[in-house]
């Protein structure tokens, strides 16, 4: 089963943020709850956890601004 990695909404007024860094390499195995990437918004920097266990398929590069709800990759 495939799980999409979605850019989360961290605050009521948040519409976009920066995917600062992937913490796991493309194609690597990851477990649910492990740190997956670093998200930067206007007010904070947070490590975001993996929503599932499996192999990471990165869909977008780090260092770019993305809209809330954007698909960043998937766990297969």
PDB file of N, CA and C in Angstrom:
ATOM      1  N   UNK A   1       0.843  -1.185   0.000  1.00  0.00           N
ATOM      2  CA  UNK A   1       0.000   0.000   0.000  1.00  0.00           C
ATOM      3  C   UNK A   1       0.887   1.247   0.000  1.00  0.00           C
ATOM      4  N   UNK A   2       0.549   2.226  -0.776  1.00  0.00           N
ATOM      5  CA  UNK A   2       1.305   3.468  -0.882  1.00  0.00           C
ATOM      6  C   UNK A   2       0.675   4.547  -0.006  1.00  0.00           C
ATOM      7  N   UNK A   3       1.526   5.290   0.708  1.00  0.00           N
ATOM      8  CA  UNK A   3       1.073   6.405   1.538  1.00  0.00           C
ATOM      9  C   UNK A   3       1.710   7.685   1.015  1.00  0.00           C
ATOM     10  N   UNK A   4       0.895   8.661   0.640  1.00  0.00           N
ATOM     11  CA  UNK A   4       1.407   9.956   0.197  1.00  0.00           C
ATOM     12  C   UNK A   4       1.974  10.724   1.382  1.00  0.00           C
ATOM     13  N   UNK A   5       3.058  11.443   1.134  1.00  0.00           N
ATOM     14  CA  UNK A   5       3.643  12.345   2.125  1.00  0.00           C
ATOM     15  C   UNK A   5       3.150  13.739   1.768  1.00  0.00           C
ATOM     16  N   UNK A   6       2.280  14.293   2.592  1.00  0.00           N
ATOM     17  CA  UNK A   6       1.660  15.589   2.323  1.00  0.00           C
ATOM     18  C   UNK A   6       2.300  16.685   3.162  1.00  0.00           C
ATOM     19  N   UNK A   7       2.414  17.877   2.584  1.00  0.00           N
ATOM     20  CA  UNK A   7       2.933  19.019   3.327  1.00  0.00           C
ATOM     21  C   UNK A   7       1.872  19.415   4.345  1.00  0.00           C
ATOM     22  N   UNK A   8       2.209  19.384   5.649  1.00  0.00           N
ATOM     23  CA  UNK A   8       1.193  19.608   6.683  1.00  0.00           C
ATOM     24  C   UNK A   8       0.877  21.079   6.941  1.00  0.00           C
ATOM     25  N   UNK A   9      -0.279  21.302   7.499  1.00  0.00           N
ATOM     26  CA  UNK A   9      -0.679  22.636   7.954  1.00  0.00           C
ATOM     27  C   UNK A   9      -0.398  22.703   9.450  1.00  0.00           C
ATOM     28  N   UNK A  10       0.504  23.593   9.855  1.00  0.00           N
ATOM     29  CA  UNK A  10       0.930  23.656  11.245  1.00  0.00           C
ATOM     30  C   UNK A  10       0.213  24.725  12.045  1.00  0.00           C
ATOM     31  N   UNK A  11      -0.392  25.682  11.373  1.00  0.00           N
ATOM     32  CA  UNK A  11      -1.099  26.744  12.067  1.00  0.00           C
ATOM     33  C   UNK A  11      -2.311  27.168  11.277  1.00  0.00           C
ATOM     34  N   UNK A  12      -3.205  27.859  11.941  1.00  0.00           N
ATOM     35  CA  UNK A  12      -4.456  28.268  11.317  1.00  0.00           C
ATOM     36  C   UNK A  12      -4.235  29.086  10.045  1.00  0.00           C
ATOM     37  N   UNK A  13      -3.266  29.996  10.061  1.00  0.00           N
ATOM     38  CA  UNK A  13      -3.047  30.895   8.932  1.00  0.00           C
ATOM     39  C   UNK A  13      -1.975  30.402   7.965  1.00  0.00           C
ATOM     40  N   UNK A  14      -1.432  29.222   8.184  1.00  0.00           N
ATOM     41  CA  UNK A  14      -0.350  28.722   7.327  1.00  0.00           C
ATOM     42  C   UNK A  14      -0.894  28.254   5.980  1.00  0.00           C
ATOM     43  N   UNK A  15      -0.321  28.801   4.894  1.00  0.00           N
ATOM     44  CA  UNK A  15      -0.698  28.395   3.542  1.00  0.00           C
ATOM     45  C   UNK A  15       0.437  27.703   2.808  1.00  0.00           C
ATOM     46  N   UNK A  16       1.685  27.978   3.218  1.00  0.00           N
ATOM     47  CA  UNK A  16       2.844  27.400   2.553  1.00  0.00           C
ATOM     48  C   UNK A  16       4.024  27.372   3.520  1.00  0.00           C
ATOM     49  N   UNK A  17       5.061  26.660   3.129  1.00  0.00           N
ATOM     50  CA  UNK A  17       6.273  26.572   3.929  1.00  0.00           C
ATOM     51  C   UNK A  17       7.387  25.988   3.086  1.00  0.00           C
ATOM     52  N   UNK A  18       8.557  25.883   3.683  1.00  0.00           N
ATOM     53  CA  UNK A  18       9.731  25.397   2.963  1.00  0.00           C
ATOM     54  C   UNK A  18      10.102  24.005   3.444  1.00  0.00           C
ATOM     55  N   UNK A  19      10.311  23.107   2.502  1.00  0.00           N
ATOM     56  CA  UNK A  19      10.879  21.801   2.803  1.00  0.00           C
ATOM     57  C   UNK A  19      12.389  22.021   2.856  1.00  0.00           C
ATOM     58  N   UNK A  20      12.920  22.216   4.055  1.00  0.00           N
ATOM     59  CA  UNK A  20      14.317  22.624   4.222  1.00  0.00           C
ATOM     60  C   UNK A  20      15.300  21.498   3.910  1.00  0.00           C
ATOM     61  N   UNK A  21      14.972  20.267   4.341  1.00  0.00           N
ATOM     62  CA  UNK A  21      15.928  19.174   4.177  1.00  0.00           C
ATOM     63  C   UNK A  21      15.228  17.832   4.329  1.00  0.00           C
ATOM     64  N   UNK A  22      15.538  16.903   3.439  1.00  0.00           N
ATOM     65  CA  UNK A  22      15.127  15.518   3.634  1.00  0.00           C
ATOM     66  C   UNK A  22      16.117  14.890   4.603  1.00  0.00           C
ATOM     67  N   UNK A  23      15.653  14.153   5.591  1.00  0.00           N
ATOM     68  CA  UNK A  23      16.517  13.507   6.570  1.00  0.00           C
ATOM     69  C   UNK A  23      16.768  12.038   6.246  1.00  0.00           C
ATOM     70  N   UNK A  24      16.095  11.539   5.220  1.00  0.00           N
ATOM     71  CA  UNK A  24      16.217  10.157   4.776  1.00  0.00           C
ATOM     72  C   UNK A  24      16.481  10.185   3.268  1.00  0.00           C
ATOM     73  N   UNK A  25      17.382   9.339   2.802  1.00  0.00           N
ATOM     74  CA  UNK A  25      17.722   9.291   1.378  1.00  0.00           C
ATOM     75  C   UNK A  25      16.609   8.642   0.561  1.00  0.00           C
ATOM     76  N   UNK A  26      16.502   9.068  -0.682  1.00  0.00           N
ATOM     77  CA  UNK A  26      15.539   8.475  -1.608  1.00  0.00           C
ATOM     78  C   UNK A  26      15.821   6.979  -1.732  1.00  0.00           C
ATOM     79  N   UNK A  27      14.783   6.170  -1.600  1.00  0.00           N
ATOM     80  CA  UNK A  27      14.918   4.725  -1.718  1.00  0.00           C
ATOM     81  C   UNK A  27      15.233   4.016  -0.411  1.00  0.00           C
ATOM     82  N   UNK A  28      15.484   4.765   0.653  1.00  0.00           N
ATOM     83  CA  UNK A  28      15.822   4.172   1.947  1.00  0.00           C
ATOM     84  C   UNK A  28      14.570   3.665   2.662  1.00  0.00           C
ATOM     85  N   UNK A  29      14.764   2.704   3.531  1.00  0.00           N
ATOM     86  CA  UNK A  29      13.676   2.199   4.369  1.00  0.00           C
ATOM     87  C   UNK A  29      13.482   3.152   5.547  1.00  0.00           C
ATOM     88  N   UNK A  30      12.237   3.340   5.936  1.00  0.00           N
ATOM     89  CA  UNK A  30      11.910   4.186   7.085  1.00  0.00           C
ATOM     90  C   UNK A  30      10.746   3.563   7.839  1.00  0.00           C
ATOM     91  N   UNK A  31      10.703   3.833   9.134  1.00  0.00           N
ATOM     92  CA  UNK A  31       9.608   3.345   9.981  1.00  0.00           C
ATOM     93  C   UNK A  31       8.703   4.509  10.348  1.00  0.00           C
ATOM     94  N   UNK A  32       7.431   4.229  10.523  1.00  0.00           N
ATOM     95  CA  UNK A  32       6.472   5.242  10.957  1.00  0.00           C
ATOM     96  C   UNK A  32       6.965   5.871  12.254  1.00  0.00           C
ATOM     97  N   UNK A  33       6.917   7.203  12.311  1.00  0.00           N
ATOM     98  CA  UNK A  33       7.327   7.929  13.503  1.00  0.00           C
ATOM     99  C   UNK A  33       8.768   8.402  13.483  1.00  0.00           C
ATOM    100  N   UNK A  34       9.590   7.904  12.558  1.00  0.00           N
ATOM    101  CA  UNK A  34      10.968   8.375  12.444  1.00  0.00           C
ATOM    102  C   UNK A  34      10.992   9.727  11.736  1.00  0.00           C
ATOM    103  N   UNK A  35      11.988  10.551  12.061  1.00  0.00           N
ATOM    104  CA  UNK A  35      12.122  11.866  11.430  1.00  0.00           C
ATOM    105  C   UNK A  35      12.345  11.700   9.936  1.00  0.00           C
ATOM    106  N   UNK A  36      11.564  12.415   9.134  1.00  0.00           N
ATOM    107  CA  UNK A  36      11.583  12.269   7.680  1.00  0.00           C
ATOM    108  C   UNK A  36      12.142  13.500   6.979  1.00  0.00           C
ATOM    109  N   UNK A  37      11.696  14.693   7.373  1.00  0.00           N
ATOM    110  CA  UNK A  37      12.192  15.926   6.773  1.00  0.00           C
ATOM    111  C   UNK A  37      12.039  17.089   7.735  1.00  0.00           C
ATOM    112  N   UNK A  38      12.711  18.187   7.398  1.00  0.00           N
ATOM    113  CA  UNK A  38      12.619  19.408   8.196  1.00  0.00           C
ATOM    114  C   UNK A  38      11.772  20.417   7.438  1.00  0.00           C
ATOM    115  N   UNK A  39      10.766  20.938   8.107  1.00  0.00           N
ATOM    116  CA  UNK A  39       9.856  21.922   7.547  1.00  0.00           C
ATOM    117  C   UNK A  39      10.111  23.272   8.218  1.00  0.00           C
ATOM    118  N   UNK A  40      10.196  24.324   7.411  1.00  0.00           N
ATOM    119  CA  UNK A  40      10.335  25.681   7.940  1.00  0.00           C
ATOM    120  C   UNK A  40       9.121  26.497   7.525  1.00  0.00           C
ATOM    121  N   UNK A  41       8.532  27.165   8.512  1.00  0.00           N
ATOM    122  CA  UNK A  41       7.438  28.091   8.234  1.00  0.00           C
ATOM    123  C   UNK A  41       7.861  29.463   8.737  1.00  0.00           C
ATOM    124  N   UNK A  42       6.972  30.438   8.623  1.00  0.00           N
ATOM    125  CA  UNK A  42       7.281  31.789   9.091  1.00  0.00           C
ATOM    126  C   UNK A  42       7.640  31.822  10.569  1.00  0.00           C
ATOM    127  N   UNK A  43       7.048  30.917  11.339  1.00  0.00           N
ATOM    128  CA  UNK A  43       7.184  30.997  12.787  1.00  0.00           C
ATOM    129  C   UNK A  43       7.974  29.864  13.432  1.00  0.00           C
ATOM    130  N   UNK A  44       8.283  28.783  12.698  1.00  0.00           N
ATOM    131  CA  UNK A  44       8.955  27.660  13.343  1.00  0.00           C
ATOM    132  C   UNK A  44       9.710  26.776  12.354  1.00  0.00           C
ATOM    133  N   UNK A  45      10.564  25.940  12.916  1.00  0.00           N
ATOM    134  CA  UNK A  45      11.267  24.892  12.177  1.00  0.00           C
ATOM    135  C   UNK A  45      11.008  23.593  12.916  1.00  0.00           C
ATOM    136  N   UNK A  46      10.497  22.587  12.199  1.00  0.00           N
ATOM    137  CA  UNK A  46      10.114  21.330  12.840  1.00  0.00           C
ATOM    138  C   UNK A  46      10.591  20.131  12.049  1.00  0.00           C
ATOM    139  N   UNK A  47      10.916  19.050  12.767  1.00  0.00           N
ATOM    140  CA  UNK A  47      11.144  17.765  12.127  1.00  0.00           C
ATOM    141  C   UNK A  47       9.782  17.091  11.978  1.00  0.00           C
ATOM    142  N   UNK A  48       9.487  16.634  10.774  1.00  0.00           N
ATOM    143  CA  UNK A  48       8.220  15.967  10.498  1.00  0.00           C
ATOM    144  C   UNK A  48       8.468  14.465  10.430  1.00  0.00           C
ATOM    145  N   UNK A  49       7.615  13.700  11.080  1.00  0.00           N
ATOM    146  CA  UNK A  49       7.764  12.253  11.155  1.00  0.00           C
ATOM    147  C   UNK A  49       7.125  11.551   9.963  1.00  0.00           C
ATOM    148  N   UNK A  50       7.642  10.376   9.675  1.00  0.00           N
ATOM    149  CA  UNK A  50       7.092   9.545   8.615  1.00  0.00           C
ATOM    150  C   UNK A  50       5.694   9.065   9.004  1.00  0.00           C
ATOM    151  N   UNK A  51       4.734   9.131   8.076  1.00  0.00           N
ATOM    152  CA  UNK A  51       3.379   8.675   8.374  1.00  0.00           C
ATOM    153  C   UNK A  51       3.209   7.162   8.254  1.00  0.00           C
ATOM    154  N   UNK A  52       4.240   6.455   7.730  1.00  0.00           N
ATOM    155  CA  UNK A  52       4.096   5.017   7.489  1.00  0.00           C
ATOM    156  C   UNK A  52       5.476   4.359   7.468  1.00  0.00           C
ATOM    157  N   UNK A  53       5.467   3.050   7.436  1.00  0.00           N
ATOM    158  CA  UNK A  53       6.689   2.262   7.321  1.00  0.00           C
ATOM    159  C   UNK A  53       6.812   1.764   5.886  1.00  0.00           C
ATOM    160  N   UNK A  54       8.028   1.842   5.327  1.00  0.00           N
ATOM    161  CA  UNK A  54       8.258   1.357   3.973  1.00  0.00           C
ATOM    162  C   UNK A  54       9.472   2.019   3.359  1.00  0.00           C
ATOM    163  N   UNK A  55       9.490   2.067   2.020  1.00  0.00           N
ATOM    164  CA  UNK A  55      10.600   2.655   1.274  1.00  0.00           C
ATOM    165  C   UNK A  55      10.195   4.049   0.804  1.00  0.00           C
ATOM    166  N   UNK A  56      11.077   5.034   1.034  1.00  0.00           N
ATOM    167  CA  UNK A  56      10.803   6.425   0.668  1.00  0.00           C
ATOM    168  C   UNK A  56      11.051   6.660  -0.811  1.00  0.00           C
ATOM    169  N   UNK A  57      10.086   7.293  -1.462  1.00  0.00           N
ATOM    170  CA  UNK A  57      10.247   7.772  -2.837  1.00  0.00           C
ATOM    171  C   UNK A  57      10.049   9.285  -2.797  1.00  0.00           C
ATOM    172  N   UNK A  58      11.153  10.022  -2.874  1.00  0.00           N
ATOM    173  CA  UNK A  58      11.097  11.490  -2.844  1.00  0.00           C
ATOM    174  C   UNK A  58      10.543  11.998  -4.165  1.00  0.00           C
ATOM    175  N   UNK A  59       9.581  12.910  -4.081  1.00  0.00           N
ATOM    176  CA  UNK A  59       8.945  13.442  -5.279  1.00  0.00           C
ATOM    177  C   UNK A  59       9.326  14.877  -5.604  1.00  0.00           C
ATOM    178  N   UNK A  60       9.840  15.611  -4.613  1.00  0.00           N
ATOM    179  CA  UNK A  60      10.174  17.024  -4.815  1.00  0.00           C
ATOM    180  C   UNK A  60      11.500  17.333  -4.112  1.00  0.00           C
ATOM    181  N   UNK A  61      12.231  18.324  -4.595  1.00  0.00           N
ATOM    182  CA  UNK A  61      13.518  18.657  -3.973  1.00  0.00           C
ATOM    183  C   UNK A  61      13.367  19.489  -2.702  1.00  0.00           C
ATOM    184  N   UNK A  62      14.365  19.391  -1.838  1.00  0.00           N
ATOM    185  CA  UNK A  62      14.437  20.231  -0.639  1.00  0.00           C
ATOM    186  C   UNK A  62      14.842  21.641  -1.045  1.00  0.00           C
ATOM    187  N   UNK A  63      14.549  22.599  -0.169  1.00  0.00           N
ATOM    188  CA  UNK A  63      14.927  23.985  -0.407  1.00  0.00           C
ATOM    189  C   UNK A  63      13.899  24.799  -1.159  1.00  0.00           C
ATOM    190  N   UNK A  64      12.756  24.215  -1.438  1.00  0.00           N
ATOM    191  CA  UNK A  64      11.697  24.888  -2.187  1.00  0.00           C
ATOM    192  C   UNK A  64      10.500  25.166  -1.279  1.00  0.00           C
ATOM    193  N   UNK A  65       9.679  26.121  -1.677  1.00  0.00           N
ATOM    194  CA  UNK A  65       8.448  26.460  -0.970  1.00  0.00           C
ATOM    195  C   UNK A  65       7.302  25.654  -1.585  1.00  0.00           C
ATOM    196  N   UNK A  66       6.478  25.053  -0.705  1.00  0.00           N
ATOM    197  CA  UNK A  66       5.347  24.243  -1.145  1.00  0.00           C
ATOM    198  C   UNK A  66       4.078  24.678  -0.430  1.00  0.00           C
ATOM    199  N   UNK A  67       2.961  24.497  -1.097  1.00  0.00           N
ATOM    200  CA  UNK A  67       1.647  24.795  -0.532  1.00  0.00           C
ATOM    201  C   UNK A  67       1.235  23.684   0.429  1.00  0.00           C
ATOM    202  N   UNK A  68       0.478  24.034   1.449  1.00  0.00           N
ATOM    203  CA  UNK A  68      -0.094  23.039   2.363  1.00  0.00           C
ATOM    204  C   UNK A  68      -0.895  22.042   1.534  1.00  0.00           C
ATOM    205  N   UNK A  69      -0.694  20.769   1.806  1.00  0.00           N
ATOM    206  CA  UNK A  69      -1.396  19.712   1.084  1.00  0.00           C
ATOM    207  C   UNK A  69      -0.662  19.173  -0.119  1.00  0.00           C
ATOM    208  N   UNK A  70       0.442  19.818  -0.512  1.00  0.00           N
ATOM    209  CA  UNK A  70       1.226  19.350  -1.664  1.00  0.00           C
ATOM    210  C   UNK A  70       1.801  17.963  -1.366  1.00  0.00           C
ATOM    211  N   UNK A  71       1.840  17.104  -2.382  1.00  0.00           N
ATOM    212  CA  UNK A  71       2.424  15.776  -2.243  1.00  0.00           C
ATOM    213  C   UNK A  71       3.944  15.909  -2.421  1.00  0.00           C
ATOM    214  N   UNK A  72       4.696  15.540  -1.374  1.00  0.00           N
ATOM    215  CA  UNK A  72       6.142  15.660  -1.389  1.00  0.00           C
ATOM    216  C   UNK A  72       6.835  14.393  -1.825  1.00  0.00           C
ATOM    217  N   UNK A  73       6.153  13.285  -1.693  1.00  0.00           N
ATOM    218  CA  UNK A  73       6.701  11.979  -2.036  1.00  0.00           C
ATOM    219  C   UNK A  73       5.738  10.916  -1.576  1.00  0.00           C
ATOM    220  N   UNK A  74       6.253   9.684  -1.470  1.00  0.00           N
ATOM    221  CA  UNK A  74       5.406   8.592  -1.006  1.00  0.00           C
ATOM    222  C   UNK A  74       6.236   7.533  -0.300  1.00  0.00           C
ATOM    223  N   UNK A  75       5.560   6.772   0.513  1.00  0.00           N
ATOM    224  CA  UNK A  75       6.146   5.626   1.198  1.00  0.00           C
ATOM    225  C   UNK A  75       5.484   4.388   0.578  1.00  0.00           C
ATOM    226  N   UNK A  76       6.295   3.504   0.033  1.00  0.00           N
ATOM    227  CA  UNK A  76       5.757   2.287  -0.598  1.00  0.00           C
ATOM    228  C   UNK A  76       6.272   1.046   0.110  1.00  0.00           C
TER     229      UNK A  76
END
